[in-house]
N, C-alpha and C. Protein backbone atom coordinates (compact mmCIF):
# COMPACT_ATOMS: atom_id res chain seq x y z
N UNK A 1 66.46 -96.04 -22.14
CA UNK A 1 66.93 -95.09 -23.00
C UNK A 1 68.39 -93.81 -22.87
N UNK A 2 69.33 -94.59 -23.67
CA UNK A 2 71.10 -93.68 -23.63
C UNK A 2 70.40 -91.99 -23.74
N UNK A 3 71.44 -91.56 -23.09
CA UNK A 3 71.00 -89.91 -22.88
C UNK A 3 71.15 -89.29 -23.84
N UNK A 4 71.82 -89.76 -24.79
CA UNK A 4 72.48 -89.08 -26.26
C UNK A 4 70.55 -88.97 -26.54
N UNK A 5 70.01 -89.59 -26.61
CA UNK A 5 68.58 -89.97 -27.29
C UNK A 5 67.59 -88.44 -26.02
N UNK A 6 67.80 -88.52 -25.15
CA UNK A 6 66.31 -87.88 -24.38
C UNK A 6 66.65 -86.43 -24.64
N UNK A 7 65.80 -85.87 -24.89
CA UNK A 7 65.35 -84.03 -24.56
C UNK A 7 66.10 -83.66 -23.76
N UNK A 8 67.20 -82.89 -23.57
CA UNK A 8 67.84 -82.57 -21.73
C UNK A 8 66.89 -80.91 -22.19
N UNK A 9 66.67 -80.93 -20.65
CA UNK A 9 65.80 -79.55 -20.15
C UNK A 9 66.79 -79.28 -19.36
N UNK A 10 67.78 -78.48 -20.15
CA UNK A 10 69.15 -77.84 -18.74
C UNK A 10 67.99 -77.15 -17.42
N UNK A 11 67.12 -75.69 -17.75
CA UNK A 11 66.33 -75.22 -17.24
C UNK A 11 64.96 -75.41 -17.81
N UNK A 12 63.89 -74.70 -17.47
CA UNK A 12 63.02 -74.40 -17.66
C UNK A 12 63.09 -73.71 -19.10
N UNK A 13 63.67 -72.97 -19.00
CA UNK A 13 63.51 -71.69 -20.03
C UNK A 13 64.88 -72.28 -21.36
N UNK A 14 65.19 -73.77 -21.28
CA UNK A 14 66.00 -74.46 -22.47
C UNK A 14 65.92 -75.50 -22.85
N UNK A 15 65.55 -75.33 -23.76
CA UNK A 15 65.20 -77.41 -24.53
C UNK A 15 66.48 -77.45 -25.60
N UNK A 16 66.90 -78.58 -25.41
CA UNK A 16 68.22 -78.78 -26.79
C UNK A 16 67.63 -80.54 -27.22
N UNK A 17 66.83 -80.55 -28.28
CA UNK A 17 67.22 -81.72 -28.50
C UNK A 17 67.85 -82.27 -29.54
N UNK A 18 68.27 -83.45 -30.04
CA UNK A 18 68.93 -83.75 -30.52
C UNK A 18 68.10 -83.98 -32.50
N UNK A 19 68.45 -83.58 -33.18
CA UNK A 19 67.68 -83.87 -34.46
C UNK A 19 68.09 -85.19 -35.00
N UNK A 20 67.68 -86.35 -35.04
CA UNK A 20 67.92 -87.46 -35.59
C UNK A 20 67.30 -87.71 -37.39
N UNK A 21 68.31 -88.46 -37.54
CA UNK A 21 67.61 -88.47 -39.34
C UNK A 21 69.07 -88.25 -39.63
N UNK A 22 68.61 -88.74 -41.12
CA UNK A 22 67.52 -88.17 -42.42
C UNK A 22 66.92 -89.27 -42.75
N UNK A 23 65.63 -89.64 -43.24
CA UNK A 23 65.09 -90.68 -43.74
C UNK A 23 64.14 -90.22 -44.74
N UNK A 24 63.86 -90.94 -45.47
CA UNK A 24 63.39 -90.68 -46.94
C UNK A 24 62.09 -91.67 -46.63
N UNK A 25 61.00 -91.63 -47.51
CA UNK A 25 59.74 -92.19 -48.11
C UNK A 25 60.07 -93.65 -47.67
N UNK A 26 60.79 -94.26 -48.20
CA UNK A 26 61.18 -95.16 -48.08
C UNK A 26 62.48 -95.96 -47.31
N UNK A 27 62.32 -94.43 -46.42
CA UNK A 27 63.15 -95.21 -44.68
C UNK A 27 61.84 -95.25 -43.90
N UNK A 28 60.99 -94.50 -44.08
CA UNK A 28 59.81 -94.00 -42.89
C UNK A 28 60.05 -94.77 -41.89
N UNK A 29 59.74 -96.40 -42.24
CA UNK A 29 58.90 -97.37 -40.99
C UNK A 29 60.37 -97.40 -39.78
N UNK A 30 61.80 -96.77 -40.73
CA UNK A 30 62.96 -96.90 -39.20
C UNK A 30 62.83 -95.53 -38.44
N UNK A 31 61.96 -94.75 -38.18
CA UNK A 31 61.82 -93.31 -37.95
C UNK A 31 61.26 -94.16 -36.25
N UNK A 32 61.86 -93.46 -35.48
CA UNK A 32 61.34 -94.31 -33.97
C UNK A 32 60.24 -93.78 -33.66
N UNK A 33 59.42 -94.90 -32.77
CA UNK A 33 58.25 -94.06 -32.63
C UNK A 33 57.75 -94.14 -31.45
N UNK A 34 59.31 -93.07 -31.19
CA UNK A 34 58.45 -92.54 -29.65
C UNK A 34 58.10 -90.78 -29.74
N UNK A 35 58.09 -89.89 -28.67
CA UNK A 35 57.33 -89.56 -28.93
C UNK A 35 58.43 -88.12 -29.14
N UNK A 36 58.06 -86.95 -29.95
CA UNK A 36 58.66 -85.90 -29.98
C UNK A 36 58.54 -84.62 -31.16
N UNK A 37 59.22 -83.73 -31.56
CA UNK A 37 58.84 -83.06 -32.69
C UNK A 37 59.61 -83.24 -34.15
N UNK A 38 58.92 -83.00 -35.31
CA UNK A 38 59.14 -83.77 -36.42
C UNK A 38 59.70 -82.38 -37.22
N UNK A 39 60.46 -82.72 -38.07
CA UNK A 39 60.84 -81.77 -39.89
C UNK A 39 61.09 -82.44 -40.99
N UNK A 40 60.00 -81.59 -41.59
CA UNK A 40 59.80 -82.66 -43.15
C UNK A 40 60.63 -81.41 -44.10
N UNK A 41 61.40 -81.77 -44.61
CA UNK A 41 62.83 -80.80 -45.70
C UNK A 41 62.49 -81.60 -47.34
N UNK A 42 62.28 -80.46 -47.69
CA UNK A 42 62.80 -80.14 -49.26
C UNK A 42 64.10 -80.91 -49.46
N UNK A 43 64.49 -82.25 -49.97
CA UNK A 43 65.39 -82.89 -50.65
C UNK A 43 65.64 -82.66 -52.18
N UNK A 44 66.81 -82.83 -52.25
CA UNK A 44 68.05 -81.88 -53.68
C UNK A 44 68.65 -82.67 -53.79
N UNK A 45 69.12 -83.04 -55.59
CA UNK A 45 70.68 -82.93 -55.55
C UNK A 45 71.70 -81.96 -55.60
N UNK A 46 72.31 -82.09 -54.96
CA UNK A 46 73.53 -80.75 -55.25
C UNK A 46 74.44 -80.67 -56.48
N UNK A 47 74.50 -79.89 -56.88
CA UNK A 47 74.62 -79.63 -58.34
C UNK A 47 76.30 -79.66 -58.39
N UNK A 48 76.97 -79.33 -57.11
CA UNK A 48 78.47 -79.46 -57.67
C UNK A 48 78.49 -81.28 -58.06
N UNK A 49 78.41 -82.61 -56.25
CA UNK A 49 78.59 -83.35 -55.74
C UNK A 49 77.20 -84.27 -55.97
N UNK A 50 76.37 -83.69 -56.39
CA UNK A 50 74.76 -84.82 -56.81
C UNK A 50 74.73 -86.29 -55.94
N UNK A 51 75.08 -85.33 -54.58
CA UNK A 51 74.43 -85.70 -53.45
C UNK A 51 73.24 -85.21 -52.89
N UNK A 52 72.18 -86.08 -52.68
CA UNK A 52 71.25 -85.27 -52.18
C UNK A 52 71.68 -84.80 -50.92
N UNK A 53 70.51 -84.13 -50.72
CA UNK A 53 71.17 -82.51 -49.57
C UNK A 53 70.15 -82.02 -49.61
N UNK A 54 69.60 -81.35 -47.58
CA UNK A 54 68.42 -81.37 -47.57
C UNK A 54 68.64 -79.48 -47.81
N UNK A 55 67.88 -79.35 -48.32
CA UNK A 55 67.78 -77.55 -49.29
C UNK A 55 66.55 -76.82 -49.03
N UNK A 56 65.14 -77.57 -48.45
CA UNK A 56 64.22 -76.16 -47.16
C UNK A 56 63.20 -77.28 -46.34
N UNK A 57 63.37 -76.23 -45.10
CA UNK A 57 62.35 -76.75 -44.22
C UNK A 57 61.04 -76.48 -44.40
N UNK A 58 59.96 -77.44 -44.56
CA UNK A 58 58.79 -77.38 -44.80
C UNK A 58 57.17 -77.20 -44.04
N UNK A 59 57.91 -77.78 -42.93
CA UNK A 59 56.89 -78.66 -42.55
C UNK A 59 58.03 -78.84 -41.03
N UNK A 60 56.75 -78.50 -39.55
CA UNK A 60 57.79 -78.84 -38.65
C UNK A 60 55.97 -79.03 -38.12
N UNK A 61 56.33 -80.64 -36.81
CA UNK A 61 55.35 -81.19 -35.99
C UNK A 61 55.03 -81.38 -34.91
N UNK A 62 54.59 -82.18 -34.13
CA UNK A 62 54.93 -82.92 -33.20
C UNK A 62 54.18 -84.06 -32.93
N UNK A 63 54.31 -85.41 -32.34
CA UNK A 63 53.20 -85.76 -32.07
C UNK A 63 53.64 -87.21 -31.28
N UNK A 64 53.09 -87.62 -30.37
CA UNK A 64 53.18 -89.00 -29.38
C UNK A 64 53.76 -89.80 -29.57
N UNK A 65 53.88 -90.57 -30.80
CA UNK A 65 54.70 -91.36 -31.95
C UNK A 65 54.86 -90.88 -32.78
N UNK A 66 56.13 -90.31 -33.32
CA UNK A 66 56.13 -89.59 -34.85
C UNK A 66 56.56 -90.44 -35.35
N UNK A 67 56.67 -91.85 -35.98
CA UNK A 67 56.55 -92.26 -37.09
C UNK A 67 55.41 -92.51 -37.73
N UNK A 68 54.21 -92.65 -36.59
CA UNK A 68 52.75 -92.54 -36.85
C UNK A 68 52.39 -91.74 -37.01
N UNK A 69 52.99 -90.23 -36.89
CA UNK A 69 52.49 -88.42 -36.80
C UNK A 69 53.22 -88.79 -37.96
N UNK A 70 53.80 -89.03 -38.75
CA UNK A 70 54.47 -88.74 -40.32
C UNK A 70 53.34 -89.30 -41.40
N UNK A 71 53.81 -90.90 -40.75
CA UNK A 71 53.23 -91.48 -42.40
C UNK A 71 51.73 -91.60 -42.09
N UNK A 72 50.74 -90.54 -41.23
CA UNK A 72 49.52 -90.51 -41.35
C UNK A 72 49.24 -88.82 -41.28
N UNK A 73 50.22 -88.06 -41.80
CA UNK A 73 49.72 -86.25 -41.13
C UNK A 73 49.07 -86.53 -42.83
N UNK A 74 47.97 -85.38 -42.93
CA UNK A 74 46.99 -85.02 -43.32
C UNK A 74 47.78 -84.18 -45.04
N UNK A 75 49.13 -83.97 -44.67
CA UNK A 75 49.23 -83.07 -45.74
C UNK A 75 50.11 -83.32 -46.32
N UNK A 76 50.44 -85.38 -46.52
CA UNK A 76 51.84 -85.21 -47.36
C UNK A 76 51.58 -85.54 -48.39
N UNK A 77 50.35 -85.28 -48.61
CA UNK A 77 50.15 -85.43 -50.32
C UNK A 77 50.75 -84.00 -51.27
N UNK A 78 50.41 -82.72 -50.17
CA UNK A 78 50.73 -81.72 -50.69
C UNK A 78 52.05 -81.13 -50.21
N UNK A 79 52.51 -81.83 -49.67
CA UNK A 79 54.17 -82.01 -49.56
C UNK A 79 55.05 -82.80 -50.95
N UNK A 80 54.77 -83.80 -50.74
CA UNK A 80 54.70 -84.42 -52.43
C UNK A 80 54.63 -83.50 -53.42
N UNK A 81 53.00 -82.74 -53.75
CA UNK A 81 53.02 -82.48 -54.53
C UNK A 81 53.79 -80.74 -55.04
N UNK A 82 54.76 -80.03 -53.85
CA UNK A 82 55.50 -79.48 -54.02
C UNK A 82 56.41 -79.11 -54.53
N UNK A 83 57.31 -81.03 -54.54
CA UNK A 83 58.52 -81.25 -54.56
C UNK A 83 58.68 -81.26 -56.91
N UNK A 84 59.88 -80.91 -56.85
CA UNK A 84 59.74 -80.95 -58.24
C UNK A 84 60.85 -81.91 -58.53
N UNK A 85 60.65 -82.59 -60.24
CA UNK A 85 61.16 -83.93 -60.51
C UNK A 85 62.50 -83.94 -60.10
N UNK A 86 63.12 -84.74 -59.53
CA UNK A 86 64.14 -85.68 -58.78
C UNK A 86 64.59 -85.37 -57.19
N UNK A 87 63.25 -84.35 -56.68
CA UNK A 87 63.53 -84.30 -55.16
C UNK A 87 62.58 -84.75 -54.42
N UNK A 88 62.98 -85.06 -53.35
CA UNK A 88 62.45 -85.63 -52.60
C UNK A 88 61.87 -85.20 -51.13
N UNK A 89 61.37 -86.01 -50.14
CA UNK A 89 60.88 -85.47 -48.84
C UNK A 89 61.82 -86.27 -47.81
N UNK A 90 62.50 -85.55 -47.32
CA UNK A 90 63.01 -86.15 -45.70
C UNK A 90 62.70 -85.89 -44.42
N UNK A 91 62.96 -86.72 -44.07
CA UNK A 91 62.60 -86.43 -42.48
C UNK A 91 63.60 -86.59 -41.32
N UNK A 92 63.22 -85.46 -40.19
CA UNK A 92 64.13 -86.00 -39.43
C UNK A 92 63.34 -85.56 -37.57
N UNK A 93 63.54 -86.34 -36.86
CA UNK A 93 63.02 -85.49 -35.34
C UNK A 93 64.16 -85.34 -34.49
N UNK A 94 63.04 -84.99 -32.97
CA UNK A 94 64.07 -84.56 -32.18
C UNK A 94 62.56 -85.37 -30.64
N UNK A 95 63.60 -86.24 -29.68
CA UNK A 95 63.02 -86.80 -29.28
C UNK A 95 62.29 -85.64 -27.92
N UNK A 96 61.49 -85.79 -27.73
CA UNK A 96 60.33 -84.82 -26.51
C UNK A 96 59.43 -85.60 -25.91
N UNK A 97 59.50 -85.67 -24.62
CA UNK A 97 57.87 -85.76 -23.71
C UNK A 97 57.22 -85.06 -23.93
N UNK A 98 56.04 -85.71 -23.52
CA UNK A 98 54.84 -84.73 -22.98
C UNK A 98 55.16 -83.10 -23.10
N UNK A 99 55.81 -83.38 -21.95
CA UNK A 99 55.53 -81.94 -21.45
C UNK A 99 56.27 -81.07 -22.01
N UNK A 100 57.22 -80.94 -23.18
CA UNK A 100 58.08 -80.05 -23.52
C UNK A 100 57.64 -80.25 -24.73
N UNK A 101 56.74 -80.99 -25.73
CA UNK A 101 56.67 -81.73 -27.48
C UNK A 101 56.04 -80.22 -27.63
N UNK A 102 54.86 -79.58 -27.42
CA UNK A 102 54.03 -79.03 -27.53
C UNK A 102 54.70 -77.29 -27.80
N UNK A 103 55.67 -77.09 -26.58
CA UNK A 103 55.91 -75.70 -26.65
C UNK A 103 57.44 -75.85 -27.50
N UNK A 104 58.70 -76.88 -28.06
CA UNK A 104 59.52 -77.04 -28.79
C UNK A 104 59.13 -76.97 -30.37
N UNK A 105 57.77 -77.23 -30.53
CA UNK A 105 58.05 -77.79 -31.74
C UNK A 105 56.75 -75.91 -31.75
N UNK A 106 55.95 -75.45 -31.39
CA UNK A 106 55.51 -73.91 -31.44
C UNK A 106 57.13 -73.25 -31.47
N UNK A 107 57.68 -73.32 -30.86
CA UNK A 107 59.61 -72.43 -30.28
C UNK A 107 59.80 -72.81 -32.58
N UNK A 108 60.20 -74.25 -32.44
CA UNK A 108 61.14 -74.18 -34.11
C UNK A 108 59.81 -73.38 -34.69
N UNK A 109 58.42 -73.33 -35.07
CA UNK A 109 57.36 -72.68 -36.13
C UNK A 109 57.66 -71.69 -35.80
N UNK A 110 57.48 -70.53 -34.80
CA UNK A 110 57.94 -69.24 -34.86
C UNK A 110 59.02 -69.17 -35.24
N UNK A 111 60.37 -69.71 -34.57
CA UNK A 111 61.07 -68.97 -35.49
C UNK A 111 61.81 -68.83 -36.75
N UNK A 112 61.00 -70.02 -37.78
CA UNK A 112 61.53 -71.09 -39.18
C UNK A 112 60.67 -70.25 -39.63
N UNK A 113 59.17 -70.22 -39.38
CA UNK A 113 57.63 -70.53 -40.06
C UNK A 113 58.09 -70.77 -41.57
N UNK A 114 57.80 -72.63 -40.90
CA UNK A 114 57.86 -73.43 -42.30
C UNK A 114 57.10 -73.11 -43.32
N UNK A 115 56.84 -73.02 -44.48
CA UNK A 115 55.95 -73.44 -45.41
C UNK A 115 54.47 -73.56 -45.44
N UNK A 116 54.72 -74.80 -45.17
CA UNK A 116 53.33 -75.80 -44.60
C UNK A 116 53.03 -75.47 -43.35
N UNK A 117 53.01 -74.55 -42.32
CA UNK A 117 52.59 -73.99 -41.16
C UNK A 117 52.04 -73.48 -41.13
N UNK A 118 51.66 -72.93 -42.84
CA UNK A 118 51.10 -71.52 -42.69
C UNK A 118 49.90 -71.23 -41.86
N UNK A 119 49.13 -72.30 -41.89
CA UNK A 119 48.25 -72.33 -40.65
C UNK A 119 47.92 -72.38 -39.26
N UNK A 120 49.32 -72.47 -39.16
CA UNK A 120 49.64 -72.70 -37.32
C UNK A 120 49.52 -71.06 -36.45
N UNK A 121 49.09 -71.45 -35.06
CA UNK A 121 48.86 -70.47 -34.41
C UNK A 121 50.15 -69.95 -33.81
N UNK A 122 50.77 -70.64 -33.95
CA UNK A 122 52.61 -70.13 -33.96
C UNK A 122 53.17 -69.85 -34.34
N UNK A 123 52.27 -69.13 -36.08
CA UNK A 123 53.41 -68.49 -36.50
C UNK A 123 53.08 -66.51 -36.19
N UNK A 124 52.60 -66.06 -35.93
CA UNK A 124 53.24 -65.05 -34.86
C UNK A 124 52.90 -64.69 -33.39
N UNK A 125 52.37 -66.17 -32.82
CA UNK A 125 51.56 -66.01 -31.59
C UNK A 125 52.80 -67.00 -30.78
N UNK A 126 53.11 -67.05 -29.60
CA UNK A 126 53.82 -67.42 -28.89
C UNK A 126 53.28 -67.25 -27.04
N UNK A 127 52.83 -68.61 -27.17
CA UNK A 127 51.75 -68.29 -25.08
C UNK A 127 52.76 -68.89 -24.67
N UNK A 128 54.27 -69.19 -24.70
CA UNK A 128 54.93 -70.17 -23.44
C UNK A 128 55.95 -68.86 -23.25
N UNK A 129 56.48 -69.87 -22.00
CA UNK A 129 57.53 -68.34 -21.15
C UNK A 129 58.26 -68.36 -22.15
N UNK A 130 59.51 -67.09 -21.73
CA UNK A 130 60.82 -67.25 -22.78
C UNK A 130 61.11 -69.14 -23.25
N UNK A 131 61.70 -69.16 -24.85
CA UNK A 131 62.67 -70.18 -24.51
C UNK A 131 63.85 -70.43 -25.73
N UNK A 132 65.28 -70.79 -24.82
CA UNK A 132 65.82 -70.70 -25.78
C UNK A 132 66.33 -72.85 -26.31
N UNK A 133 66.39 -72.69 -27.60
CA UNK A 133 66.13 -73.85 -28.06
C UNK A 133 67.86 -73.81 -28.27
N UNK A 134 68.72 -75.32 -28.38
CA UNK A 134 69.74 -75.12 -29.01
C UNK A 134 69.23 -76.81 -29.57
N UNK A 135 69.49 -76.30 -30.75
CA UNK A 135 68.82 -77.88 -31.99
C UNK A 135 70.76 -78.23 -32.01
N UNK A 136 70.92 -79.42 -31.61
CA UNK A 136 72.11 -79.93 -32.50
C UNK A 136 71.77 -81.59 -33.11
N UNK A 137 72.97 -82.41 -33.77
CA UNK A 137 72.36 -83.18 -34.44
C UNK A 137 72.25 -82.84 -35.63
N UNK A 138 72.11 -83.87 -36.53
CA UNK A 138 71.09 -83.47 -38.09
C UNK A 138 69.72 -82.10 -38.00
N UNK A 139 70.99 -81.42 -37.99
CA UNK A 139 70.32 -79.57 -38.19
C UNK A 139 70.03 -78.74 -38.98
N UNK A 140 70.74 -78.90 -40.58
CA UNK A 140 70.60 -78.18 -41.34
C UNK A 140 69.53 -77.57 -42.12
N UNK A 141 69.45 -76.55 -42.08
CA UNK A 141 68.41 -75.67 -42.48
C UNK A 141 67.95 -75.01 -41.27
N UNK A 142 68.25 -75.50 -40.53
CA UNK A 142 67.68 -75.13 -38.94
C UNK A 142 68.31 -74.37 -37.85
N UNK A 143 68.18 -73.58 -36.86
CA UNK A 143 68.94 -72.05 -36.47
C UNK A 143 69.01 -73.00 -35.70
N UNK A 144 70.89 -73.50 -35.10
CA UNK A 144 71.15 -74.29 -34.07
C UNK A 144 70.88 -73.40 -33.37
N UNK A 145 70.71 -72.20 -32.74
CA UNK A 145 70.04 -71.62 -31.11
C UNK A 145 69.22 -70.39 -31.55
N UNK A 146 68.80 -70.37 -30.97
CA UNK A 146 67.49 -69.01 -31.12
C UNK A 146 66.13 -68.94 -29.65
N UNK A 147 66.21 -68.09 -29.74
CA UNK A 147 65.32 -67.58 -28.25
C UNK A 147 64.10 -66.96 -29.03
N UNK A 148 63.00 -67.55 -27.70
CA UNK A 148 61.64 -67.32 -28.14
C UNK A 148 61.07 -66.66 -27.24
N UNK A 149 60.43 -65.28 -27.29
CA UNK A 149 59.66 -65.05 -26.46
C UNK A 149 58.11 -64.76 -26.34
N UNK A 150 57.68 -64.90 -25.59
CA UNK A 150 56.01 -64.79 -25.21
C UNK A 150 55.38 -63.59 -26.58
N UNK A 151 54.84 -64.25 -26.78
CA UNK A 151 53.90 -63.21 -27.64
C UNK A 151 52.61 -63.69 -27.70
N UNK A 152 51.01 -63.09 -26.81
CA UNK A 152 50.00 -64.00 -26.50
C UNK A 152 49.54 -63.12 -28.18
């Protein structure tokens, strides 16, 4: 696997995923079937350019097979029901091995507090060691660099 697609962990405290994507429902079958985290966004046309753009982070999840996790997520209909006419769901993902996948997902949820992660234990709690996340790639509406401290 090319190095640019790997989740690099420079130290135990720094996770640096490249966010790949964006994919719509029509291109969901093109999402890699690798282990990682994923973000679900609301996309809408920019009023000036009329180009579809990411507007809001709706959900952060993780799965050993991101494509499968997205295609079979039980909340897909809830996400769709939230959209206004002309809006779409867009997806991005960052590759992450099993060892860091839950920690990275928890950090993303804790820092971003997405609308549809309302039942997540990680909104107000972060049971992992202090973690700095540096996101690069397709990162619209995501904090580029942030640190999450343990909160039992």
